[in-house]
Amino acid sequence: DGFIFPVPVLFRKSRFNGAGVSFRGASFDAGPVSF
């Protein structure tokens, strides 16, 4: 939540366990952005 990504970010084949995942209000300022 609220994280800023000023550079390209990759989450390829990432695995999110746990009770949930939240990127509320996150800012992705550069591309590509890949999930």
PDB file of all heavy atoms in Angstrom:
ATOM      1  N   ASP A   1       0.832  -1.204   0.000  1.00  0.00           N
ATOM      2  CA  ASP A   1       0.000   0.000   0.000  1.00  0.00           C
ATOM      3  C   ASP A   1       0.870   1.258   0.000  1.00  0.00           C
ATOM      4  O   ASP A   1       1.753   1.425   0.848  1.00  0.00           O
ATOM      5  CB  ASP A   1      -0.904   0.031   1.235  1.00  0.00           C
ATOM      6  CG  ASP A   1      -2.013  -1.003   1.186  1.00  0.00           C
ATOM      7  OD1 ASP A   1      -2.192  -1.631   0.133  1.00  0.00           O
ATOM      8  OD2 ASP A   1      -2.698  -1.174   2.219  1.00  0.00           O
ATOM      9  N   GLY A   2       0.603   2.148  -0.957  1.00  0.00           N
ATOM     10  CA  GLY A   2       1.306   3.407  -1.013  1.00  0.00           C
ATOM     11  C   GLY A   2       2.751   3.344  -1.461  1.00  0.00           C
ATOM     12  O   GLY A   2       3.442   4.377  -1.476  1.00  0.00           O
ATOM     13  N   PHE A   3       3.232   2.164  -1.853  1.00  0.00           N
ATOM     14  CA  PHE A   3       4.616   2.058  -2.330  1.00  0.00           C
ATOM     15  C   PHE A   3       4.755   2.791  -3.659  1.00  0.00           C
ATOM     16  O   PHE A   3       3.831   2.811  -4.477  1.00  0.00           O
ATOM     17  CB  PHE A   3       5.005   0.593  -2.517  1.00  0.00           C
ATOM     18  CG  PHE A   3       5.577  -0.060  -1.288  1.00  0.00           C
ATOM     19  CD1 PHE A   3       4.836  -0.144  -0.117  1.00  0.00           C
ATOM     20  CD2 PHE A   3       6.860  -0.595  -1.302  1.00  0.00           C
ATOM     21  CE1 PHE A   3       5.355  -0.748   1.012  1.00  0.00           C
ATOM     22  CE2 PHE A   3       7.394  -1.202  -0.173  1.00  0.00           C
ATOM     23  CZ  PHE A   3       6.645  -1.279   0.990  1.00  0.00           C
ATOM     24  N   ILE A   4       5.912   3.372  -3.870  1.00  0.00           N
ATOM     25  CA  ILE A   4       6.229   4.043  -5.127  1.00  0.00           C
ATOM     26  C   ILE A   4       7.285   3.235  -5.866  1.00  0.00           C
ATOM     27  O   ILE A   4       8.306   2.850  -5.285  1.00  0.00           O
ATOM     28  CB  ILE A   4       6.729   5.476  -4.878  1.00  0.00           C
ATOM     29  CG1 ILE A   4       5.625   6.311  -4.221  1.00  0.00           C
ATOM     30  CG2 ILE A   4       7.172   6.136  -6.188  1.00  0.00           C
ATOM     31  CD1 ILE A   4       6.090   7.678  -3.783  1.00  0.00           C
ATOM     32  N   PHE A   5       7.015   2.970  -7.131  1.00  0.00           N
ATOM     33  CA  PHE A   5       7.950   2.240  -7.986  1.00  0.00           C
ATOM     34  C   PHE A   5       8.426   3.204  -9.070  1.00  0.00           C
ATOM     35  O   PHE A   5       7.781   3.341 -10.117  1.00  0.00           O
ATOM     36  CB  PHE A   5       7.274   1.021  -8.599  1.00  0.00           C
ATOM     37  CG  PHE A   5       6.783   0.017  -7.605  1.00  0.00           C
ATOM     38  CD1 PHE A   5       5.497   0.105  -7.066  1.00  0.00           C
ATOM     39  CD2 PHE A   5       7.600  -1.021  -7.181  1.00  0.00           C
ATOM     40  CE1 PHE A   5       5.046  -0.813  -6.140  1.00  0.00           C
ATOM     41  CE2 PHE A   5       7.153  -1.944  -6.256  1.00  0.00           C
ATOM     42  CZ  PHE A   5       5.875  -1.835  -5.730  1.00  0.00           C
ATOM     43  N   PRO A   6       9.561   3.885  -8.867  1.00  0.00           N
ATOM     44  CA  PRO A   6      10.036   4.870  -9.843  1.00  0.00           C
ATOM     45  C   PRO A   6      10.766   4.252 -11.026  1.00  0.00           C
ATOM     46  O   PRO A   6      11.164   4.958 -11.954  1.00  0.00           O
ATOM     47  CB  PRO A   6      10.985   5.735  -9.005  1.00  0.00           C
ATOM     48  CG  PRO A   6      11.541   4.797  -7.985  1.00  0.00           C
ATOM     49  CD  PRO A   6      10.425   3.840  -7.664  1.00  0.00           C
ATOM     50  N   VAL A   7      10.955   2.935 -10.981  1.00  0.00           N
ATOM     51  CA  VAL A   7      11.687   2.208 -12.024  1.00  0.00           C
ATOM     52  C   VAL A   7      10.853   1.002 -12.446  1.00  0.00           C
ATOM     53  O   VAL A   7       9.911   0.608 -11.752  1.00  0.00           O
ATOM     54  CB  VAL A   7      13.074   1.748 -11.511  1.00  0.00           C
ATOM     55  CG1 VAL A   7      13.970   2.948 -11.233  1.00  0.00           C
ATOM     56  CG2 VAL A   7      12.939   0.877 -10.254  1.00  0.00           C
ATOM     57  N   PRO A   8      11.148   0.379 -13.595  1.00  0.00           N
ATOM     58  CA  PRO A   8      10.397  -0.810 -14.003  1.00  0.00           C
ATOM     59  C   PRO A   8      10.432  -1.897 -12.930  1.00  0.00           C
ATOM     60  O   PRO A   8      11.434  -2.069 -12.239  1.00  0.00           O
ATOM     61  CB  PRO A   8      11.133  -1.260 -15.278  1.00  0.00           C
ATOM     62  CG  PRO A   8      11.760  -0.015 -15.816  1.00  0.00           C
ATOM     63  CD  PRO A   8      12.154   0.773 -14.610  1.00  0.00           C
ATOM     64  N   VAL A   9       9.319  -2.631 -12.812  1.00  0.00           N
ATOM     65  CA  VAL A   9       9.233  -3.673 -11.782  1.00  0.00           C
ATOM     66  C   VAL A   9       8.605  -4.932 -12.371  1.00  0.00           C
ATOM     67  O   VAL A   9       7.632  -4.866 -13.125  1.00  0.00           O
ATOM     68  CB  VAL A   9       8.443  -3.165 -10.549  1.00  0.00           C
ATOM     69  CG1 VAL A   9       7.034  -2.738 -10.928  1.00  0.00           C
ATOM     70  CG2 VAL A   9       8.409  -4.223  -9.451  1.00  0.00           C
ATOM     71  N   LEU A  10       9.198  -6.059 -12.038  1.00  0.00           N
ATOM     72  CA  LEU A  10       8.740  -7.350 -12.540  1.00  0.00           C
ATOM     73  C   LEU A  10       8.338  -8.254 -11.371  1.00  0.00           C
ATOM     74  O   LEU A  10       9.075  -8.393 -10.397  1.00  0.00           O
ATOM     75  CB  LEU A  10       9.847  -8.044 -13.342  1.00  0.00           C
ATOM     76  CG  LEU A  10      10.455  -7.254 -14.500  1.00  0.00           C
ATOM     77  CD1 LEU A  10      11.566  -8.073 -15.157  1.00  0.00           C
ATOM     78  CD2 LEU A  10       9.397  -6.874 -15.531  1.00  0.00           C
ATOM     79  N   PHE A  11       7.147  -8.859 -11.510  1.00  0.00           N
ATOM     80  CA  PHE A  11       6.672  -9.869 -10.561  1.00  0.00           C
ATOM     81  C   PHE A  11       6.370 -11.163 -11.333  1.00  0.00           C
ATOM     82  O   PHE A  11       5.445 -11.884 -11.003  1.00  0.00           O
ATOM     83  CB  PHE A  11       5.407  -9.397  -9.848  1.00  0.00           C
ATOM     84  CG  PHE A  11       5.617  -8.290  -8.843  1.00  0.00           C
ATOM     85  CD1 PHE A  11       5.535  -6.958  -9.226  1.00  0.00           C
ATOM     86  CD2 PHE A  11       5.876  -8.584  -7.511  1.00  0.00           C
ATOM     87  CE1 PHE A  11       5.699  -5.936  -8.303  1.00  0.00           C
ATOM     88  CE2 PHE A  11       6.039  -7.571  -6.572  1.00  0.00           C
ATOM     89  CZ  PHE A  11       5.954  -6.248  -6.970  1.00  0.00           C
ATOM     90  N   ARG A  12       7.124 -11.439 -12.365  1.00  0.00           N
ATOM     91  CA  ARG A  12       6.855 -12.622 -13.191  1.00  0.00           C
ATOM     92  C   ARG A  12       7.038 -13.904 -12.386  1.00  0.00           C
ATOM     93  O   ARG A  12       8.066 -14.099 -11.731  1.00  0.00           O
ATOM     94  CB  ARG A  12       7.801 -12.639 -14.396  1.00  0.00           C
ATOM     95  CG  ARG A  12       7.540 -11.518 -15.392  1.00  0.00           C
ATOM     96  CD  ARG A  12       8.617 -11.466 -16.454  1.00  0.00           C
ATOM     97  NE  ARG A  12       8.396 -10.372 -17.399  1.00  0.00           N
ATOM     98  CZ  ARG A  12       9.347  -9.849 -18.172  1.00  0.00           C
ATOM     99  NH1 ARG A  12      10.581 -10.324 -18.116  1.00  0.00           N
ATOM    100  NH2 ARG A  12       9.061  -8.854 -18.982  1.00  0.00           N
ATOM    101  N   LYS A  13       6.007 -14.731 -12.423  1.00  0.00           N
ATOM    102  CA  LYS A  13       6.009 -16.020 -11.722  1.00  0.00           C
ATOM    103  C   LYS A  13       6.212 -15.863 -10.212  1.00  0.00           C
ATOM    104  O   LYS A  13       6.603 -16.809  -9.535  1.00  0.00           O
ATOM    105  CB  LYS A  13       7.067 -16.973 -12.308  1.00  0.00           C
ATOM    106  CG  LYS A  13       6.780 -17.370 -13.754  1.00  0.00           C
ATOM    107  CD  LYS A  13       7.769 -18.413 -14.254  1.00  0.00           C
ATOM    108  CE  LYS A  13       7.444 -18.828 -15.677  1.00  0.00           C
ATOM    109  NZ  LYS A  13       8.400 -19.847 -16.197  1.00  0.00           N
ATOM    110  N   SER A  14       5.928 -14.685  -9.696  1.00  0.00           N
ATOM    111  CA  SER A  14       5.943 -14.515  -8.244  1.00  0.00           C
ATOM    112  C   SER A  14       4.727 -15.226  -7.657  1.00  0.00           C
ATOM    113  O   SER A  14       3.682 -15.341  -8.301  1.00  0.00           O
ATOM    114  CB  SER A  14       5.897 -13.033  -7.870  1.00  0.00           C
ATOM    115  OG  SER A  14       7.048 -12.361  -8.319  1.00  0.00           O
ATOM    116  N   ARG A  15       4.866 -15.658  -6.424  1.00  0.00           N
ATOM    117  CA  ARG A  15       3.773 -16.369  -5.747  1.00  0.00           C
ATOM    118  C   ARG A  15       3.449 -15.613  -4.458  1.00  0.00           C
ATOM    119  O   ARG A  15       4.310 -15.448  -3.588  1.00  0.00           O
ATOM    120  CB  ARG A  15       4.188 -17.814  -5.449  1.00  0.00           C
ATOM    121  CG  ARG A  15       3.121 -18.637  -4.736  1.00  0.00           C
ATOM    122  CD  ARG A  15       3.641 -20.056  -4.485  1.00  0.00           C
ATOM    123  NE  ARG A  15       2.759 -20.823  -3.623  1.00  0.00           N
ATOM    124  CZ  ARG A  15       1.766 -21.596  -4.048  1.00  0.00           C
ATOM    125  NH1 ARG A  15       1.554 -21.710  -5.346  1.00  0.00           N
ATOM    126  NH2 ARG A  15       1.009 -22.263  -3.195  1.00  0.00           N
ATOM    127  N   PHE A  16       2.191 -15.183  -4.358  1.00  0.00           N
ATOM    128  CA  PHE A  16       1.747 -14.428  -3.192  1.00  0.00           C
ATOM    129  C   PHE A  16       0.900 -15.332  -2.306  1.00  0.00           C
ATOM    130  O   PHE A  16      -0.254 -15.634  -2.619  1.00  0.00           O
ATOM    131  CB  PHE A  16       0.941 -13.209  -3.632  1.00  0.00           C
ATOM    132  CG  PHE A  16       1.725 -12.202  -4.430  1.00  0.00           C
ATOM    133  CD1 PHE A  16       1.800 -12.301  -5.817  1.00  0.00           C
ATOM    134  CD2 PHE A  16       2.392 -11.170  -3.807  1.00  0.00           C
ATOM    135  CE1 PHE A  16       2.516 -11.370  -6.559  1.00  0.00           C
ATOM    136  CE2 PHE A  16       3.118 -10.230  -4.534  1.00  0.00           C
ATOM    137  CZ  PHE A  16       3.184 -10.336  -5.912  1.00  0.00           C
ATOM    138  N   ASN A  17       1.482 -15.800  -1.218  1.00  0.00           N
ATOM    139  CA  ASN A  17       0.743 -16.595  -0.250  1.00  0.00           C
ATOM    140  C   ASN A  17       0.096 -15.644   0.763  1.00  0.00           C
ATOM    141  O   ASN A  17       0.030 -14.452   0.551  1.00  0.00           O
ATOM    142  CB  ASN A  17       1.688 -17.574   0.445  1.00  0.00           C
ATOM    143  CG  ASN A  17       2.361 -18.519  -0.533  1.00  0.00           C
ATOM    144  OD1 ASN A  17       1.710 -19.158  -1.343  1.00  0.00           O
ATOM    145  ND2 ASN A  17       3.686 -18.590  -0.476  1.00  0.00           N
ATOM    146  N   GLY A  18      -0.366 -16.159   1.866  1.00  0.00           N
ATOM    147  CA  GLY A  18      -0.901 -15.301   2.905  1.00  0.00           C
ATOM    148  C   GLY A  18      -2.385 -15.048   2.760  1.00  0.00           C
ATOM    149  O   GLY A  18      -3.092 -15.666   1.955  1.00  0.00           O
ATOM    150  N   ALA A  19      -2.870 -14.087   3.558  1.00  0.00           N
ATOM    151  CA  ALA A  19      -4.309 -13.827   3.644  1.00  0.00           C
ATOM    152  C   ALA A  19      -4.810 -12.882   2.560  1.00  0.00           C
ATOM    153  O   ALA A  19      -6.009 -12.640   2.452  1.00  0.00           O
ATOM    154  CB  ALA A  19      -4.640 -13.247   5.022  1.00  0.00           C
ATOM    155  N   GLY A  20      -3.931 -12.328   1.775  1.00  0.00           N
ATOM    156  CA  GLY A  20      -4.323 -11.402   0.725  1.00  0.00           C
ATOM    157  C   GLY A  20      -3.137 -10.563   0.285  1.00  0.00           C
ATOM    158  O   GLY A  20      -2.057 -10.620   0.875  1.00  0.00           O
ATOM    159  N   VAL A  21      -3.356  -9.783  -0.763  1.00  0.00           N
ATOM    160  CA  VAL A  21      -2.316  -8.922  -1.317  1.00  0.00           C
ATOM    161  C   VAL A  21      -2.928  -7.551  -1.566  1.00  0.00           C
ATOM    162  O   VAL A  21      -4.023  -7.449  -2.130  1.00  0.00           O
ATOM    163  CB  VAL A  21      -1.750  -9.470  -2.638  1.00  0.00           C
ATOM    164  CG1 VAL A  21      -0.615  -8.602  -3.143  1.00  0.00           C
ATOM    165  CG2 VAL A  21      -1.302 -10.909  -2.481  1.00  0.00           C
ATOM    166  N   SER A  22      -2.233  -6.497  -1.165  1.00  0.00           N
ATOM    167  CA  SER A  22      -2.767  -5.160  -1.365  1.00  0.00           C
ATOM    168  C   SER A  22      -1.717  -4.217  -1.949  1.00  0.00           C
ATOM    169  O   SER A  22      -0.607  -4.102  -1.423  1.00  0.00           O
ATOM    170  CB  SER A  22      -3.288  -4.589  -0.039  1.00  0.00           C
ATOM    171  OG  SER A  22      -3.886  -3.324  -0.235  1.00  0.00           O
ATOM    172  N   PHE A  23      -2.104  -3.573  -3.046  1.00  0.00           N
ATOM    173  CA  PHE A  23      -1.313  -2.513  -3.675  1.00  0.00           C
ATOM    174  C   PHE A  23      -2.129  -1.221  -3.704  1.00  0.00           C
ATOM    175  O   PHE A  23      -1.990  -0.407  -4.601  1.00  0.00           O
ATOM    176  CB  PHE A  23      -0.928  -2.906  -5.101  1.00  0.00           C
ATOM    177  CG  PHE A  23       0.183  -3.912  -5.226  1.00  0.00           C
ATOM    178  CD1 PHE A  23      -0.080  -5.266  -5.134  1.00  0.00           C
ATOM    179  CD2 PHE A  23       1.491  -3.511  -5.460  1.00  0.00           C
ATOM    180  CE1 PHE A  23       0.935  -6.211  -5.269  1.00  0.00           C
ATOM    181  CE2 PHE A  23       2.515  -4.437  -5.606  1.00  0.00           C
ATOM    182  CZ  PHE A  23       2.235  -5.798  -5.506  1.00  0.00           C
ATOM    183  N   ARG A  24      -2.990  -1.027  -2.721  1.00  0.00           N
ATOM    184  CA  ARG A  24      -3.843   0.164  -2.698  1.00  0.00           C
ATOM    185  C   ARG A  24      -2.993   1.438  -2.709  1.00  0.00           C
ATOM    186  O   ARG A  24      -2.077   1.594  -1.911  1.00  0.00           O
ATOM    187  CB  ARG A  24      -4.737   0.166  -1.457  1.00  0.00           C
ATOM    188  CG  ARG A  24      -5.818  -0.900  -1.457  1.00  0.00           C
ATOM    189  CD  ARG A  24      -6.661  -0.835  -0.188  1.00  0.00           C
ATOM    190  NE  ARG A  24      -7.367   0.427  -0.095  1.00  0.00           N
ATOM    191  CZ  ARG A  24      -8.585   0.660  -0.590  1.00  0.00           C
ATOM    192  NH1 ARG A  24      -9.237  -0.323  -1.216  1.00  0.00           N
ATOM    193  NH2 ARG A  24      -9.165   1.839  -0.452  1.00  0.00           N
ATOM    194  N   GLY A  25      -3.318   2.332  -3.654  1.00  0.00           N
ATOM    195  CA  GLY A  25      -2.627   3.603  -3.715  1.00  0.00           C
ATOM    196  C   GLY A  25      -1.178   3.538  -4.147  1.00  0.00           C
ATOM    197  O   GLY A  25      -0.472   4.551  -4.084  1.00  0.00           O
ATOM    198  N   ALA A  26      -0.715   2.371  -4.610  1.00  0.00           N
ATOM    199  CA  ALA A  26       0.665   2.263  -5.097  1.00  0.00           C
ATOM    200  C   ALA A  26       0.812   3.032  -6.405  1.00  0.00           C
ATOM    201  O   ALA A  26      -0.147   3.194  -7.174  1.00  0.00           O
ATOM    202  CB  ALA A  26       1.045   0.802  -5.301  1.00  0.00           C
ATOM    203  N   SER A  27       2.017   3.528  -6.653  1.00  0.00           N
ATOM    204  CA  SER A  27       2.277   4.293  -7.864  1.00  0.00           C
ATOM    205  C   SER A  27       3.396   3.641  -8.659  1.00  0.00           C
ATOM    206  O   SER A  27       4.525   3.515  -8.177  1.00  0.00           O
ATOM    207  CB  SER A  27       2.657   5.740  -7.506  1.00  0.00           C
ATOM    208  OG  SER A  27       2.866   6.515  -8.668  1.00  0.00           O
ATOM    209  N   PHE A  28       3.066   3.214  -9.872  1.00  0.00           N
ATOM    210  CA  PHE A  28       4.029   2.598 -10.784  1.00  0.00           C
ATOM    211  C   PHE A  28       4.405   3.656 -11.821  1.00  0.00           C
ATOM    212  O   PHE A  28       3.659   3.936 -12.755  1.00  0.00           O
ATOM    213  CB  PHE A  28       3.423   1.369 -11.445  1.00  0.00           C
ATOM    214  CG  PHE A  28       3.032   0.277 -10.481  1.00  0.00           C
ATOM    215  CD1 PHE A  28       1.784   0.277  -9.871  1.00  0.00           C
ATOM    216  CD2 PHE A  28       3.917  -0.747 -10.169  1.00  0.00           C
ATOM    217  CE1 PHE A  28       1.422  -0.731  -8.979  1.00  0.00           C
ATOM    218  CE2 PHE A  28       3.571  -1.752  -9.276  1.00  0.00           C
ATOM    219  CZ  PHE A  28       2.320  -1.739  -8.681  1.00  0.00           C
ATOM    220  N   ASP A  29       5.577   4.251 -11.639  1.00  0.00           N
ATOM    221  CA  ASP A  29       5.940   5.438 -12.413  1.00  0.00           C
ATOM    222  C   ASP A  29       6.725   5.140 -13.683  1.00  0.00           C
ATOM    223  O   ASP A  29       6.914   6.033 -14.512  1.00  0.00           O
ATOM    224  CB  ASP A  29       6.762   6.397 -11.539  1.00  0.00           C
ATOM    225  CG  ASP A  29       5.974   6.896 -10.339  1.00  0.00           C
ATOM    226  OD1 ASP A  29       4.742   6.743 -10.323  1.00  0.00           O
ATOM    227  OD2 ASP A  29       6.610   7.426  -9.400  1.00  0.00           O
ATOM    228  N   ALA A  30       7.224   3.920 -13.837  1.00  0.00           N
ATOM    229  CA  ALA A  30       8.028   3.561 -15.011  1.00  0.00           C
ATOM    230  C   ALA A  30       7.656   2.149 -15.456  1.00  0.00           C
ATOM    231  O   ALA A  30       7.183   1.334 -14.669  1.00  0.00           O
ATOM    232  CB  ALA A  30       9.519   3.648 -14.692  1.00  0.00           C
ATOM    233  N   GLY A  31       7.837   1.878 -16.717  1.00  0.00           N
ATOM    234  CA  GLY A  31       7.472   0.572 -17.244  1.00  0.00           C
ATOM    235  C   GLY A  31       8.653  -0.154 -17.853  1.00  0.00           C
ATOM    236  O   GLY A  31       9.720   0.428 -18.038  1.00  0.00           O
ATOM    237  N   PRO A  32       8.449  -1.440 -18.134  1.00  0.00           N
ATOM    238  CA  PRO A  32       7.184  -2.157 -17.977  1.00  0.00           C
ATOM    239  C   PRO A  32       6.908  -2.553 -16.527  1.00  0.00           C
ATOM    240  O   PRO A  32       7.804  -2.590 -15.696  1.00  0.00           O
ATOM    241  CB  PRO A  32       7.399  -3.407 -18.845  1.00  0.00           C
ATOM    242  CG  PRO A  32       8.881  -3.668 -18.752  1.00  0.00           C
ATOM    243  CD  PRO A  32       9.507  -2.305 -18.716  1.00  0.00           C
ATOM    244  N   VAL A  33       5.626  -2.861 -16.287  1.00  0.00           N
ATOM    245  CA  VAL A  33       5.185  -3.445 -15.015  1.00  0.00           C
ATOM    246  C   VAL A  33       4.578  -4.795 -15.359  1.00  0.00           C
ATOM    247  O   VAL A  33       3.601  -4.864 -16.102  1.00  0.00           O
ATOM    248  CB  VAL A  33       4.137  -2.556 -14.325  1.00  0.00           C
ATOM    249  CG1 VAL A  33       3.642  -3.234 -13.047  1.00  0.00           C
ATOM    250  CG2 VAL A  33       4.712  -1.184 -14.022  1.00  0.00           C
ATOM    251  N   SER A  34       5.161  -5.862 -14.852  1.00  0.00           N
ATOM    252  CA  SER A  34       4.716  -7.186 -15.277  1.00  0.00           C
ATOM    253  C   SER A  34       4.422  -8.101 -14.090  1.00  0.00           C
ATOM    254  O   SER A  34       5.265  -8.305 -13.218  1.00  0.00           O
ATOM    255  CB  SER A  34       5.762  -7.855 -16.176  1.00  0.00           C
ATOM    256  OG  SER A  34       5.320  -9.153 -16.564  1.00  0.00           O
ATOM    257  N   PHE A  35       3.190  -8.644 -14.102  1.00  0.00           N
ATOM    258  CA  PHE A  35       2.772  -9.706 -13.192  1.00  0.00           C
ATOM    259  C   PHE A  35       2.491 -10.974 -14.010  1.00  0.00           C
ATOM    260  O   PHE A  35       1.660 -11.789 -13.633  1.00  0.00           O
ATOM    261  CB  PHE A  35       1.517  -9.298 -12.427  1.00  0.00           C
ATOM    262  CG  PHE A  35       1.750  -8.250 -11.363  1.00  0.00           C
ATOM    263  CD1 PHE A  35       1.779  -6.904 -11.688  1.00  0.00           C
ATOM    264  CD2 PHE A  35       1.938  -8.619 -10.041  1.00  0.00           C
ATOM    265  CE1 PHE A  35       1.978  -5.938 -10.719  1.00  0.00           C
ATOM    266  CE2 PHE A  35       2.138  -7.660  -9.056  1.00  0.00           C
ATOM    267  CZ  PHE A  35       2.161  -6.318  -9.394  1.00  0.00           C
TER     268      PHE A  35
END
